[in-house]
């Protein structure tokens, strides 16, 4: 029995039946026609798990800190007319637009659905949907993060030549989908090292939601 209990488990496997009923069909839609499975490079985050979790849950705040401190120009925001706690949008100056929604969590993983488009140089822009499975593993001195992105292509020209363009597709997905993880890593490490300094730097900034900043102060400043 001990021998039979040893089963290899994919840490990024998708527990479709555990996802809420109103999100399940959207997840199945992506997984029904996957053009590429793109792993994002894992990274160590030298910060506390609860601090990183806060920043991932408040990505518009995290993106605002990045912009205010001149570490990036990407726009991460909620819909100003109808903000939703688990939904955020990502735009960049190249013309990318993505809508991310957290649709499920378990002990170590977050599951995001995204839809949107990004430019492909001289080629037509690529439109599609993804399921991002991000894993956070607490360690003695921080958190290890890795992720995998399941991609469904919806631009017909790329669907028809999926094999020929797969390398370019994977490169773009890896570049664009990994941004919010990189932003959370940078802010989480800065917040762990210099929380008071970070608070003072972004206090009053139009880039940063000040209510969330005060929540950050109450929870993490000494």
N, C-alpha and C. Protein backbone atom coordinates (compact mmCIF):
# COMPACT_ATOMS: atom_id res chain seq x y z
N UNK A 1 0.82 -1.20 0.00
CA UNK A 1 0.00 0.00 0.00
C UNK A 1 0.86 1.25 0.00
N UNK A 2 1.97 1.19 0.72
CA UNK A 2 2.84 2.36 0.75
C UNK A 2 3.39 2.65 -0.64
N UNK A 3 3.75 1.58 -1.38
CA UNK A 3 4.27 1.78 -2.71
C UNK A 3 3.24 2.37 -3.65
N UNK A 4 1.98 1.91 -3.55
CA UNK A 4 0.93 2.40 -4.44
C UNK A 4 0.55 3.85 -4.16
N UNK A 5 0.86 4.34 -2.96
CA UNK A 5 0.45 5.70 -2.59
C UNK A 5 1.33 6.76 -3.22
N UNK A 6 2.47 6.36 -3.77
CA UNK A 6 3.39 7.32 -4.36
C UNK A 6 2.96 7.63 -5.80
N UNK A 7 2.34 8.79 -6.01
CA UNK A 7 1.83 9.17 -7.32
C UNK A 7 2.41 10.52 -7.71
N UNK A 8 2.93 10.64 -8.93
CA UNK A 8 3.45 11.91 -9.40
C UNK A 8 2.28 12.87 -9.65
N UNK A 9 2.31 14.03 -9.04
CA UNK A 9 1.24 15.01 -9.17
C UNK A 9 1.79 16.28 -9.81
N UNK A 10 1.14 16.74 -10.86
CA UNK A 10 1.52 18.00 -11.50
C UNK A 10 1.11 19.14 -10.58
N UNK A 11 2.06 19.94 -10.07
CA UNK A 11 1.70 21.02 -9.14
C UNK A 11 0.84 22.10 -9.78
N UNK A 12 0.78 22.11 -11.12
CA UNK A 12 -0.03 23.11 -11.80
C UNK A 12 -1.31 22.52 -12.39
N UNK A 13 -1.64 21.26 -12.04
CA UNK A 13 -2.86 20.65 -12.55
C UNK A 13 -4.07 21.47 -12.13
N UNK A 14 -5.06 21.51 -12.98
CA UNK A 14 -6.22 22.37 -12.75
C UNK A 14 -7.37 21.55 -12.13
N UNK A 15 -7.80 21.87 -10.91
CA UNK A 15 -8.91 21.16 -10.27
C UNK A 15 -10.26 21.72 -10.74
N UNK A 16 -10.63 21.41 -11.97
CA UNK A 16 -11.80 22.03 -12.60
C UNK A 16 -13.04 21.87 -11.75
N UNK A 17 -13.24 20.70 -11.16
CA UNK A 17 -14.47 20.45 -10.39
C UNK A 17 -14.55 21.27 -9.11
N UNK A 18 -13.42 21.82 -8.66
CA UNK A 18 -13.42 22.62 -7.44
C UNK A 18 -13.67 24.10 -7.72
N UNK A 19 -13.63 24.49 -8.98
CA UNK A 19 -13.84 25.89 -9.35
C UNK A 19 -15.34 26.19 -9.34
N UNK A 20 -15.71 27.38 -8.93
CA UNK A 20 -17.12 27.74 -8.81
C UNK A 20 -17.85 27.52 -10.13
N UNK A 21 -19.11 27.17 -10.02
CA UNK A 21 -19.87 26.78 -11.20
C UNK A 21 -19.92 27.88 -12.25
N UNK A 22 -20.02 29.14 -11.82
CA UNK A 22 -20.13 30.23 -12.79
C UNK A 22 -18.81 30.53 -13.51
N UNK A 23 -17.68 30.00 -13.00
CA UNK A 23 -16.38 30.18 -13.66
C UNK A 23 -15.92 28.91 -14.38
N UNK A 24 -16.53 27.80 -14.05
CA UNK A 24 -16.03 26.51 -14.54
C UNK A 24 -16.08 26.41 -16.07
N UNK A 25 -17.17 26.87 -16.67
CA UNK A 25 -17.28 26.78 -18.13
C UNK A 25 -16.22 27.63 -18.83
N UNK A 26 -15.86 28.77 -18.23
CA UNK A 26 -14.82 29.62 -18.82
C UNK A 26 -13.47 28.91 -18.78
N UNK A 27 -13.20 28.23 -17.68
CA UNK A 27 -11.96 27.47 -17.56
C UNK A 27 -11.94 26.33 -18.58
N UNK A 28 -13.04 25.60 -18.69
CA UNK A 28 -13.13 24.50 -19.64
C UNK A 28 -12.96 25.01 -21.07
N UNK A 29 -13.47 26.21 -21.34
CA UNK A 29 -13.35 26.80 -22.69
C UNK A 29 -11.88 26.97 -23.06
N UNK A 30 -11.07 27.44 -22.14
CA UNK A 30 -9.64 27.59 -22.41
C UNK A 30 -8.98 26.23 -22.61
N UNK A 31 -9.27 25.30 -21.70
CA UNK A 31 -8.58 24.01 -21.72
C UNK A 31 -9.04 23.12 -22.88
N UNK A 32 -10.20 23.44 -23.47
CA UNK A 32 -10.71 22.61 -24.56
C UNK A 32 -9.90 22.77 -25.85
N UNK A 33 -9.15 23.85 -25.99
CA UNK A 33 -8.41 24.10 -27.23
C UNK A 33 -7.13 24.86 -26.89
N UNK A 34 -6.19 24.18 -26.28
CA UNK A 34 -4.94 24.82 -25.83
C UNK A 34 -3.92 24.81 -26.96
N UNK A 35 -3.51 26.01 -27.37
CA UNK A 35 -2.51 26.14 -28.44
C UNK A 35 -1.09 26.01 -27.89
N UNK A 36 -0.91 26.39 -26.63
CA UNK A 36 0.44 26.34 -26.04
C UNK A 36 0.32 26.27 -24.52
N UNK A 37 1.26 25.59 -23.91
CA UNK A 37 1.40 25.55 -22.45
C UNK A 37 2.74 26.18 -22.14
N UNK A 38 2.71 27.35 -21.51
CA UNK A 38 3.92 28.16 -21.35
C UNK A 38 4.30 28.25 -19.88
N UNK A 39 5.40 27.61 -19.47
CA UNK A 39 5.86 27.80 -18.09
C UNK A 39 6.54 29.14 -17.93
N UNK A 40 6.27 29.82 -16.82
CA UNK A 40 6.98 31.05 -16.49
C UNK A 40 8.11 30.71 -15.53
N UNK A 41 9.24 31.32 -15.73
CA UNK A 41 10.42 30.99 -14.92
C UNK A 41 10.15 31.26 -13.44
N UNK A 42 10.49 30.29 -12.61
CA UNK A 42 10.31 30.45 -11.17
C UNK A 42 11.30 31.44 -10.58
N UNK A 43 10.94 32.00 -9.44
CA UNK A 43 11.81 32.99 -8.81
C UNK A 43 11.63 32.98 -7.30
N UNK A 44 12.68 33.30 -6.59
CA UNK A 44 12.61 33.47 -5.14
C UNK A 44 12.18 34.90 -4.82
N UNK A 45 11.26 35.03 -3.90
CA UNK A 45 10.84 36.34 -3.42
C UNK A 45 11.27 36.45 -1.96
N UNK A 46 12.16 37.37 -1.66
CA UNK A 46 12.67 37.52 -0.30
C UNK A 46 11.75 38.43 0.49
N UNK A 47 10.62 37.86 0.89
CA UNK A 47 9.61 38.60 1.62
C UNK A 47 8.74 37.61 2.38
N UNK A 48 7.83 38.14 3.19
CA UNK A 48 6.94 37.28 3.96
C UNK A 48 5.77 36.81 3.11
N UNK A 49 5.32 35.57 3.27
CA UNK A 49 4.21 35.07 2.46
C UNK A 49 2.96 35.93 2.56
N UNK A 50 2.63 36.41 3.77
CA UNK A 50 1.41 37.20 3.93
C UNK A 50 1.52 38.56 3.24
N UNK A 51 2.72 39.11 3.18
CA UNK A 51 2.92 40.39 2.49
C UNK A 51 2.78 40.21 0.98
N UNK A 52 3.39 39.16 0.45
CA UNK A 52 3.26 38.88 -0.97
C UNK A 52 1.80 38.61 -1.33
N UNK A 53 1.11 37.88 -0.48
CA UNK A 53 -0.30 37.58 -0.73
C UNK A 53 -1.12 38.86 -0.79
N UNK A 54 -0.85 39.80 0.10
CA UNK A 54 -1.54 41.09 0.10
C UNK A 54 -1.32 41.82 -1.23
N UNK A 55 -0.09 41.85 -1.70
CA UNK A 55 0.23 42.59 -2.92
C UNK A 55 -0.37 41.93 -4.16
N UNK A 56 -0.43 40.59 -4.17
CA UNK A 56 -1.07 39.90 -5.29
C UNK A 56 -2.58 40.13 -5.28
N UNK A 57 -3.15 40.27 -4.09
CA UNK A 57 -4.59 40.52 -3.98
C UNK A 57 -4.95 41.96 -4.32
N UNK A 58 -3.96 42.85 -4.28
CA UNK A 58 -4.18 44.27 -4.57
C UNK A 58 -3.25 44.72 -5.70
N UNK A 59 -3.38 44.05 -6.86
CA UNK A 59 -2.47 44.33 -7.96
C UNK A 59 -2.55 45.76 -8.49
N UNK A 60 -3.70 46.44 -8.51
CA UNK A 60 -3.69 47.85 -8.92
C UNK A 60 -2.82 48.70 -7.99
N UNK A 61 -2.86 48.43 -6.69
CA UNK A 61 -1.99 49.12 -5.73
C UNK A 61 -0.52 48.80 -6.03
N UNK A 62 -0.23 47.53 -6.23
CA UNK A 62 1.14 47.10 -6.50
C UNK A 62 1.68 47.74 -7.77
N UNK A 63 0.86 47.75 -8.83
CA UNK A 63 1.28 48.40 -10.07
C UNK A 63 1.48 49.89 -9.90
N UNK A 64 0.65 50.53 -9.06
CA UNK A 64 0.80 51.96 -8.80
C UNK A 64 2.12 52.26 -8.11
N UNK A 65 2.53 51.41 -7.18
CA UNK A 65 3.82 51.59 -6.52
C UNK A 65 4.96 51.50 -7.54
N UNK A 66 4.86 50.52 -8.44
CA UNK A 66 5.88 50.35 -9.47
C UNK A 66 5.99 51.60 -10.33
N UNK A 67 4.85 52.16 -10.74
CA UNK A 67 4.88 53.36 -11.59
C UNK A 67 5.41 54.58 -10.81
N UNK A 68 4.94 54.75 -9.58
CA UNK A 68 5.36 55.91 -8.79
C UNK A 68 6.86 55.90 -8.55
N UNK A 69 7.44 54.74 -8.38
CA UNK A 69 8.88 54.63 -8.11
C UNK A 69 9.69 54.38 -9.38
N UNK A 70 9.06 54.59 -10.54
CA UNK A 70 9.75 54.55 -11.83
C UNK A 70 10.41 53.21 -12.14
N UNK A 71 9.70 52.12 -11.77
CA UNK A 71 10.19 50.79 -12.09
C UNK A 71 9.43 50.16 -13.26
N UNK A 72 8.47 50.88 -13.82
CA UNK A 72 7.70 50.36 -14.94
C UNK A 72 6.56 51.30 -15.26
N UNK A 73 6.05 51.22 -16.49
CA UNK A 73 5.00 52.12 -16.94
C UNK A 73 3.69 51.40 -17.22
N UNK A 74 3.65 50.11 -16.95
CA UNK A 74 2.42 49.39 -17.24
C UNK A 74 1.30 49.87 -16.32
N UNK A 75 0.11 49.93 -16.89
CA UNK A 75 -1.07 50.39 -16.16
C UNK A 75 -1.85 49.18 -15.65
N UNK A 76 -1.93 49.01 -14.34
CA UNK A 76 -2.73 47.95 -13.74
C UNK A 76 -3.85 48.62 -12.95
N UNK A 77 -5.07 48.31 -13.28
CA UNK A 77 -6.18 49.05 -12.66
C UNK A 77 -7.43 48.18 -12.58
N UNK A 78 -8.36 48.61 -11.74
CA UNK A 78 -9.70 48.04 -11.73
C UNK A 78 -10.61 48.92 -12.59
N UNK A 79 -11.74 48.39 -12.99
CA UNK A 79 -12.72 49.17 -13.73
C UNK A 79 -13.23 50.29 -12.82
N UNK A 80 -12.98 51.56 -13.15
CA UNK A 80 -13.39 52.64 -12.25
C UNK A 80 -14.90 52.74 -12.08
N UNK A 81 -15.67 52.29 -13.07
CA UNK A 81 -17.12 52.37 -12.98
C UNK A 81 -17.73 51.19 -12.26
N UNK A 82 -17.07 50.04 -12.34
CA UNK A 82 -17.58 48.84 -11.68
C UNK A 82 -16.42 48.02 -11.14
N UNK A 83 -15.75 48.50 -10.09
CA UNK A 83 -14.60 47.76 -9.55
C UNK A 83 -15.02 46.43 -8.95
N UNK A 84 -14.22 45.42 -9.21
CA UNK A 84 -14.43 44.09 -8.66
C UNK A 84 -13.15 43.66 -7.96
N UNK A 85 -13.28 43.12 -6.77
CA UNK A 85 -12.13 42.78 -5.94
C UNK A 85 -11.14 41.87 -6.65
N UNK A 86 -11.63 40.87 -7.36
CA UNK A 86 -10.75 39.85 -7.95
C UNK A 86 -10.46 40.06 -9.42
N UNK A 87 -10.77 41.25 -9.94
CA UNK A 87 -10.56 41.54 -11.37
C UNK A 87 -9.63 42.74 -11.50
N UNK A 88 -8.64 42.62 -12.38
CA UNK A 88 -7.81 43.78 -12.71
C UNK A 88 -7.43 43.74 -14.18
N UNK A 89 -7.08 44.90 -14.70
CA UNK A 89 -6.75 45.05 -16.11
C UNK A 89 -5.29 45.49 -16.23
N UNK A 90 -4.64 45.03 -17.28
CA UNK A 90 -3.24 45.38 -17.52
C UNK A 90 -3.11 45.93 -18.93
N UNK A 91 -2.54 47.13 -19.05
CA UNK A 91 -2.26 47.74 -20.36
C UNK A 91 -0.79 48.15 -20.39
N UNK A 92 -0.23 48.20 -21.60
CA UNK A 92 1.11 48.75 -21.73
C UNK A 92 1.17 49.68 -22.94
N UNK A 93 2.30 50.35 -23.10
CA UNK A 93 2.43 51.35 -24.15
C UNK A 93 2.57 50.72 -25.53
N UNK A 94 2.78 49.40 -25.60
CA UNK A 94 2.88 48.71 -26.89
C UNK A 94 1.51 48.39 -27.48
N UNK A 95 0.44 48.55 -26.68
CA UNK A 95 -0.89 48.25 -27.18
C UNK A 95 -1.51 47.00 -26.60
N UNK A 96 -0.88 46.40 -25.59
CA UNK A 96 -1.44 45.22 -24.96
C UNK A 96 -2.60 45.61 -24.04
N UNK A 97 -3.62 44.75 -23.99
CA UNK A 97 -4.74 44.92 -23.06
C UNK A 97 -5.16 43.54 -22.59
N UNK A 98 -5.16 43.34 -21.28
CA UNK A 98 -5.55 42.05 -20.71
C UNK A 98 -6.45 42.26 -19.50
N UNK A 99 -7.45 41.43 -19.39
CA UNK A 99 -8.31 41.40 -18.21
C UNK A 99 -8.01 40.11 -17.44
N UNK A 100 -7.57 40.24 -16.19
CA UNK A 100 -7.29 39.10 -15.33
C UNK A 100 -8.38 38.97 -14.27
N UNK A 101 -8.76 37.75 -13.99
CA UNK A 101 -9.72 37.50 -12.91
C UNK A 101 -9.27 36.29 -12.11
N UNK A 102 -9.16 36.47 -10.80
CA UNK A 102 -8.85 35.35 -9.91
C UNK A 102 -10.12 34.52 -9.76
N UNK A 103 -10.09 33.27 -10.24
CA UNK A 103 -11.29 32.44 -10.23
C UNK A 103 -11.24 31.32 -9.21
N UNK A 104 -10.06 31.08 -8.64
CA UNK A 104 -9.97 29.99 -7.65
C UNK A 104 -8.65 30.11 -6.89
N UNK A 105 -8.67 29.65 -5.65
CA UNK A 105 -7.46 29.53 -4.84
C UNK A 105 -7.51 28.22 -4.07
N UNK A 106 -6.34 27.63 -3.86
CA UNK A 106 -6.25 26.54 -2.90
C UNK A 106 -5.08 26.86 -1.97
N UNK A 107 -4.55 25.89 -1.29
CA UNK A 107 -3.54 26.17 -0.28
C UNK A 107 -2.31 26.90 -0.79
N UNK A 108 -1.85 26.56 -1.99
CA UNK A 108 -0.60 27.12 -2.50
C UNK A 108 -0.75 27.82 -3.84
N UNK A 109 -1.92 27.73 -4.46
CA UNK A 109 -2.04 28.18 -5.84
C UNK A 109 -3.16 29.20 -6.04
N UNK A 110 -2.95 30.04 -7.05
CA UNK A 110 -3.97 30.96 -7.54
C UNK A 110 -4.23 30.64 -9.01
N UNK A 111 -5.50 30.73 -9.39
CA UNK A 111 -5.90 30.44 -10.76
C UNK A 111 -6.54 31.69 -11.35
N UNK A 112 -5.90 32.24 -12.39
CA UNK A 112 -6.39 33.45 -13.04
C UNK A 112 -6.86 33.12 -14.46
N UNK A 113 -8.05 33.62 -14.82
CA UNK A 113 -8.47 33.62 -16.21
C UNK A 113 -8.13 34.99 -16.80
N UNK A 114 -7.64 35.00 -18.01
CA UNK A 114 -7.42 36.28 -18.67
C UNK A 114 -7.96 36.22 -20.09
N UNK A 115 -8.31 37.37 -20.61
CA UNK A 115 -8.67 37.50 -22.01
C UNK A 115 -8.14 38.86 -22.48
N UNK A 116 -7.87 38.96 -23.77
CA UNK A 116 -7.39 40.23 -24.28
C UNK A 116 -6.56 40.05 -25.53
N UNK A 117 -5.67 41.00 -25.76
CA UNK A 117 -4.88 40.99 -26.99
C UNK A 117 -3.55 41.68 -26.75
N UNK A 118 -2.59 41.34 -27.59
CA UNK A 118 -1.35 42.09 -27.61
C UNK A 118 -0.75 42.09 -29.01
N UNK A 119 0.04 43.13 -29.33
CA UNK A 119 0.60 43.28 -30.68
C UNK A 119 1.66 42.23 -30.97
N UNK A 120 1.81 41.93 -32.26
CA UNK A 120 2.80 40.93 -32.71
C UNK A 120 3.71 41.54 -33.78
N UNK A 121 4.11 42.79 -33.57
CA UNK A 121 4.99 43.44 -34.53
C UNK A 121 4.26 43.75 -35.82
N UNK A 122 4.82 43.29 -36.95
CA UNK A 122 4.22 43.55 -38.26
C UNK A 122 3.02 42.64 -38.53
N UNK A 123 2.86 41.61 -37.73
CA UNK A 123 1.75 40.67 -37.90
C UNK A 123 0.49 41.22 -37.22
N UNK A 124 -0.69 40.68 -37.56
CA UNK A 124 -1.91 41.12 -36.88
C UNK A 124 -1.82 40.87 -35.37
N UNK A 125 -2.52 41.67 -34.59
CA UNK A 125 -2.49 41.47 -33.15
C UNK A 125 -3.10 40.11 -32.80
N UNK A 126 -2.64 39.56 -31.71
CA UNK A 126 -3.10 38.24 -31.27
C UNK A 126 -4.14 38.40 -30.17
N UNK A 127 -5.28 37.79 -30.36
CA UNK A 127 -6.34 37.79 -29.36
C UNK A 127 -6.51 36.37 -28.83
N UNK A 128 -6.81 36.28 -27.53
CA UNK A 128 -6.99 34.95 -26.97
C UNK A 128 -7.37 34.99 -25.52
N UNK A 129 -7.36 33.83 -24.92
CA UNK A 129 -7.68 33.66 -23.51
C UNK A 129 -6.63 32.76 -22.89
N UNK A 130 -6.38 32.96 -21.61
CA UNK A 130 -5.42 32.12 -20.91
C UNK A 130 -5.96 31.71 -19.55
N UNK A 131 -5.40 30.64 -19.05
CA UNK A 131 -5.56 30.25 -17.66
C UNK A 131 -4.16 30.23 -17.05
N UNK A 132 -3.94 31.10 -16.08
CA UNK A 132 -2.64 31.19 -15.41
C UNK A 132 -2.74 30.49 -14.06
N UNK A 133 -1.88 29.51 -13.85
CA UNK A 133 -1.83 28.80 -12.58
C UNK A 133 -0.53 29.19 -11.90
N UNK A 134 -0.63 29.95 -10.82
CA UNK A 134 0.54 30.45 -10.11
C UNK A 134 0.65 29.76 -8.77
N UNK A 135 1.84 29.28 -8.48
CA UNK A 135 2.10 28.56 -7.24
C UNK A 135 3.06 29.35 -6.35
N UNK A 136 2.75 29.45 -5.06
CA UNK A 136 3.61 30.13 -4.08
C UNK A 136 3.98 29.13 -2.99
N UNK A 137 5.27 28.88 -2.84
CA UNK A 137 5.75 27.92 -1.85
C UNK A 137 6.56 28.65 -0.78
N UNK A 138 6.05 28.73 0.45
CA UNK A 138 6.82 29.37 1.53
C UNK A 138 8.13 28.63 1.77
N UNK A 139 9.19 29.41 2.01
CA UNK A 139 10.51 28.85 2.29
C UNK A 139 11.03 29.49 3.57
N UNK A 140 12.20 29.03 4.00
CA UNK A 140 12.77 29.55 5.24
C UNK A 140 13.04 31.05 5.14
N UNK A 141 13.42 31.53 3.98
CA UNK A 141 13.77 32.94 3.82
C UNK A 141 12.94 33.60 2.72
N UNK A 142 11.68 33.25 2.62
CA UNK A 142 10.84 33.91 1.62
C UNK A 142 9.84 32.98 1.00
N UNK A 143 9.59 33.21 -0.29
CA UNK A 143 8.58 32.46 -1.04
C UNK A 143 9.13 32.15 -2.42
N UNK A 144 8.89 30.92 -2.88
CA UNK A 144 9.21 30.55 -4.25
C UNK A 144 7.93 30.65 -5.08
N UNK A 145 8.01 31.36 -6.21
CA UNK A 145 6.85 31.50 -7.10
C UNK A 145 7.20 30.91 -8.46
N UNK A 146 6.28 30.11 -8.99
CA UNK A 146 6.37 29.73 -10.39
C UNK A 146 4.96 29.68 -10.95
N UNK A 147 4.85 29.51 -12.26
CA UNK A 147 3.53 29.54 -12.89
C UNK A 147 3.58 28.85 -14.23
N UNK A 148 2.41 28.49 -14.72
CA UNK A 148 2.26 27.97 -16.06
C UNK A 148 1.02 28.63 -16.66
N UNK A 149 1.08 28.89 -17.97
CA UNK A 149 -0.01 29.58 -18.67
C UNK A 149 -0.54 28.67 -19.77
N UNK A 150 -1.83 28.35 -19.69
CA UNK A 150 -2.52 27.61 -20.75
C UNK A 150 -3.14 28.64 -21.69
N UNK A 151 -2.84 28.54 -22.98
CA UNK A 151 -3.21 29.58 -23.94
C UNK A 151 -4.20 29.04 -24.97
N UNK A 152 -5.31 29.74 -25.12
CA UNK A 152 -6.26 29.48 -26.20
C UNK A 152 -6.21 30.66 -27.16
N UNK A 153 -5.88 30.41 -28.43
CA UNK A 153 -5.77 31.45 -29.43
C UNK A 153 -7.13 31.63 -30.12
N UNK A 154 -7.54 32.91 -30.28
CA UNK A 154 -8.83 33.17 -30.90
C UNK A 154 -8.73 34.01 -32.17
N UNK A 155 -7.53 34.48 -32.51
CA UNK A 155 -7.33 35.15 -33.80
C UNK A 155 -7.15 34.07 -34.86
N UNK A 156 -8.01 34.09 -35.87
CA UNK A 156 -8.09 32.97 -36.81
C UNK A 156 -6.78 32.69 -37.51
N UNK A 157 -6.05 33.73 -37.90
CA UNK A 157 -4.81 33.50 -38.64
C UNK A 157 -3.80 32.71 -37.81
N UNK A 158 -3.77 32.95 -36.52
CA UNK A 158 -2.84 32.21 -35.65
C UNK A 158 -3.35 30.82 -35.35
N UNK A 159 -4.67 30.64 -35.31
CA UNK A 159 -5.23 29.30 -35.12
C UNK A 159 -4.86 28.41 -36.29
N UNK A 160 -4.84 28.98 -37.49
CA UNK A 160 -4.57 28.20 -38.69
C UNK A 160 -3.10 27.84 -38.86
N UNK A 161 -2.22 28.62 -38.27
CA UNK A 161 -0.78 28.35 -38.40
C UNK A 161 -0.14 28.23 -37.02
N UNK A 162 -0.86 27.57 -36.12
CA UNK A 162 -0.42 27.50 -34.73
C UNK A 162 0.98 26.93 -34.58
N UNK A 163 1.30 25.86 -35.31
CA UNK A 163 2.61 25.23 -35.16
C UNK A 163 3.72 26.16 -35.62
N UNK A 164 3.49 26.88 -36.71
CA UNK A 164 4.53 27.75 -37.26
C UNK A 164 4.81 28.95 -36.37
N UNK A 165 3.80 29.40 -35.65
CA UNK A 165 3.96 30.61 -34.83
C UNK A 165 4.08 30.29 -33.34
N UNK A 166 4.15 29.03 -32.99
CA UNK A 166 4.11 28.67 -31.57
C UNK A 166 5.26 29.29 -30.78
N UNK A 167 6.46 29.31 -31.37
CA UNK A 167 7.59 29.88 -30.65
C UNK A 167 7.39 31.35 -30.36
N UNK A 168 6.90 32.10 -31.35
CA UNK A 168 6.64 33.52 -31.16
C UNK A 168 5.52 33.73 -30.15
N UNK A 169 4.49 32.90 -30.25
CA UNK A 169 3.37 32.97 -29.31
C UNK A 169 3.85 32.75 -27.88
N UNK A 170 4.65 31.73 -27.67
CA UNK A 170 5.13 31.42 -26.32
C UNK A 170 6.00 32.55 -25.78
N UNK A 171 6.83 33.12 -26.65
CA UNK A 171 7.70 34.23 -26.23
C UNK A 171 6.88 35.42 -25.75
N UNK A 172 5.83 35.77 -26.52
CA UNK A 172 4.98 36.90 -26.15
C UNK A 172 4.22 36.62 -24.86
N UNK A 173 3.67 35.44 -24.74
CA UNK A 173 2.91 35.10 -23.53
C UNK A 173 3.81 35.13 -22.31
N UNK A 174 5.02 34.61 -22.45
CA UNK A 174 5.95 34.60 -21.32
C UNK A 174 6.32 36.02 -20.90
N UNK A 175 6.54 36.89 -21.89
CA UNK A 175 6.90 38.27 -21.60
C UNK A 175 5.75 39.02 -20.93
N UNK A 176 4.54 38.92 -21.50
CA UNK A 176 3.43 39.74 -21.05
C UNK A 176 2.76 39.19 -19.80
N UNK A 177 2.59 37.87 -19.71
CA UNK A 177 1.88 37.30 -18.57
C UNK A 177 2.69 37.36 -17.29
N UNK A 178 4.01 37.40 -17.44
CA UNK A 178 4.85 37.40 -16.25
C UNK A 178 5.01 38.74 -15.58
N UNK A 179 4.47 39.80 -16.19
CA UNK A 179 4.74 41.13 -15.64
C UNK A 179 4.19 41.30 -14.24
N UNK A 180 2.93 40.92 -14.03
CA UNK A 180 2.35 41.22 -12.72
C UNK A 180 3.02 40.41 -11.62
N UNK A 181 3.56 39.24 -11.96
CA UNK A 181 4.30 38.46 -10.97
C UNK A 181 5.61 39.18 -10.63
N UNK A 182 6.29 39.69 -11.66
CA UNK A 182 7.52 40.43 -11.42
C UNK A 182 7.29 41.70 -10.62
N UNK A 183 6.18 42.38 -10.90
CA UNK A 183 5.85 43.60 -10.15
C UNK A 183 5.62 43.28 -8.68
N UNK A 184 4.87 42.21 -8.41
CA UNK A 184 4.60 41.81 -7.02
C UNK A 184 5.89 41.42 -6.31
N UNK A 185 6.79 40.74 -7.00
CA UNK A 185 8.07 40.35 -6.39
C UNK A 185 8.86 41.59 -5.98
N UNK A 186 8.98 42.56 -6.89
CA UNK A 186 9.80 43.73 -6.60
C UNK A 186 9.23 44.52 -5.42
N UNK A 187 7.93 44.76 -5.41
CA UNK A 187 7.32 45.53 -4.34
C UNK A 187 7.37 44.75 -3.03
N UNK A 188 7.15 43.43 -3.07
CA UNK A 188 7.17 42.62 -1.86
C UNK A 188 8.55 42.65 -1.20
N UNK A 189 9.61 42.60 -1.99
CA UNK A 189 10.96 42.63 -1.42
C UNK A 189 11.27 44.01 -0.86
N UNK A 190 10.87 45.05 -1.58
CA UNK A 190 11.09 46.40 -1.08
C UNK A 190 10.30 46.64 0.21
N UNK A 191 9.06 46.17 0.24
CA UNK A 191 8.22 46.35 1.43
C UNK A 191 8.75 45.58 2.62
N UNK A 192 9.37 44.44 2.38
CA UNK A 192 9.94 43.67 3.48
C UNK A 192 11.19 44.34 4.05
N UNK A 193 11.97 44.98 3.17
CA UNK A 193 13.22 45.60 3.60
C UNK A 193 13.02 47.01 4.18
N UNK A 194 12.15 47.81 3.53
CA UNK A 194 12.01 49.22 3.90
C UNK A 194 10.54 49.64 3.89
N UNK A 195 9.72 49.05 4.73
CA UNK A 195 8.28 49.35 4.67
C UNK A 195 7.96 50.80 4.99
N UNK A 196 8.64 51.38 5.97
CA UNK A 196 8.36 52.78 6.33
C UNK A 196 8.77 53.72 5.19
N UNK A 197 9.92 53.47 4.60
CA UNK A 197 10.38 54.28 3.48
C UNK A 197 9.41 54.17 2.31
N UNK A 198 8.97 52.95 2.00
CA UNK A 198 8.02 52.74 0.90
C UNK A 198 6.73 53.51 1.15
N UNK A 199 6.24 53.44 2.37
CA UNK A 199 5.00 54.15 2.71
C UNK A 199 5.15 55.65 2.47
N UNK A 200 6.25 56.22 2.92
CA UNK A 200 6.44 57.65 2.77
C UNK A 200 6.61 58.07 1.31
N UNK A 201 7.23 57.19 0.52
CA UNK A 201 7.47 57.52 -0.89
C UNK A 201 6.19 57.61 -1.70
N UNK A 202 5.20 56.80 -1.35
CA UNK A 202 3.98 56.76 -2.18
C UNK A 202 2.79 57.42 -1.49
N UNK A 203 2.98 57.91 -0.28
CA UNK A 203 1.90 58.60 0.42
C UNK A 203 1.51 59.85 -0.36
N UNK A 204 0.23 59.98 -0.67
CA UNK A 204 -0.27 61.12 -1.42
C UNK A 204 -0.16 60.97 -2.93
N UNK A 205 0.44 59.89 -3.41
CA UNK A 205 0.62 59.69 -4.85
C UNK A 205 -0.73 59.42 -5.52
N UNK A 206 -0.93 60.03 -6.69
CA UNK A 206 -2.13 59.77 -7.48
C UNK A 206 -2.08 58.40 -8.14
N UNK A 207 -0.90 57.80 -8.18
CA UNK A 207 -0.75 56.48 -8.78
C UNK A 207 -1.22 55.37 -7.86
N UNK A 208 -1.32 55.66 -6.57
CA UNK A 208 -1.53 54.63 -5.55
C UNK A 208 -2.84 54.87 -4.80
N UNK A 209 -3.65 53.84 -4.68
CA UNK A 209 -4.88 53.93 -3.90
C UNK A 209 -4.51 54.16 -2.43
N UNK A 210 -4.87 55.31 -1.90
CA UNK A 210 -4.44 55.69 -0.56
C UNK A 210 -5.15 54.87 0.53
N UNK A 211 -6.36 54.40 0.27
CA UNK A 211 -7.03 53.54 1.24
C UNK A 211 -6.30 52.21 1.39
N UNK A 212 -5.86 51.65 0.27
CA UNK A 212 -5.08 50.41 0.32
C UNK A 212 -3.73 50.66 0.98
N UNK A 213 -3.14 51.82 0.70
CA UNK A 213 -1.87 52.17 1.34
C UNK A 213 -2.02 52.21 2.86
N UNK A 214 -3.12 52.76 3.35
CA UNK A 214 -3.33 52.81 4.80
C UNK A 214 -3.56 51.41 5.37
N UNK A 215 -4.19 50.56 4.60
CA UNK A 215 -4.33 49.16 5.04
C UNK A 215 -2.96 48.50 5.12
N UNK A 216 -2.12 48.77 4.13
CA UNK A 216 -0.74 48.28 4.16
C UNK A 216 -0.01 48.79 5.41
N UNK A 217 -0.18 50.07 5.74
CA UNK A 217 0.48 50.63 6.92
C UNK A 217 0.02 49.93 8.19
N UNK A 218 -1.29 49.74 8.32
CA UNK A 218 -1.82 49.12 9.54
C UNK A 218 -1.31 47.68 9.71
N UNK A 219 -1.17 46.99 8.61
CA UNK A 219 -0.80 45.57 8.69
C UNK A 219 0.71 45.33 8.80
N UNK A 220 1.51 46.18 8.14
CA UNK A 220 2.91 45.80 7.95
C UNK A 220 3.93 46.79 8.44
N UNK A 221 3.53 47.99 8.86
CA UNK A 221 4.53 48.92 9.40
C UNK A 221 4.68 48.69 10.89
N UNK A 222 5.91 48.77 11.33
CA UNK A 222 6.19 48.56 12.75
C UNK A 222 5.76 49.79 13.55
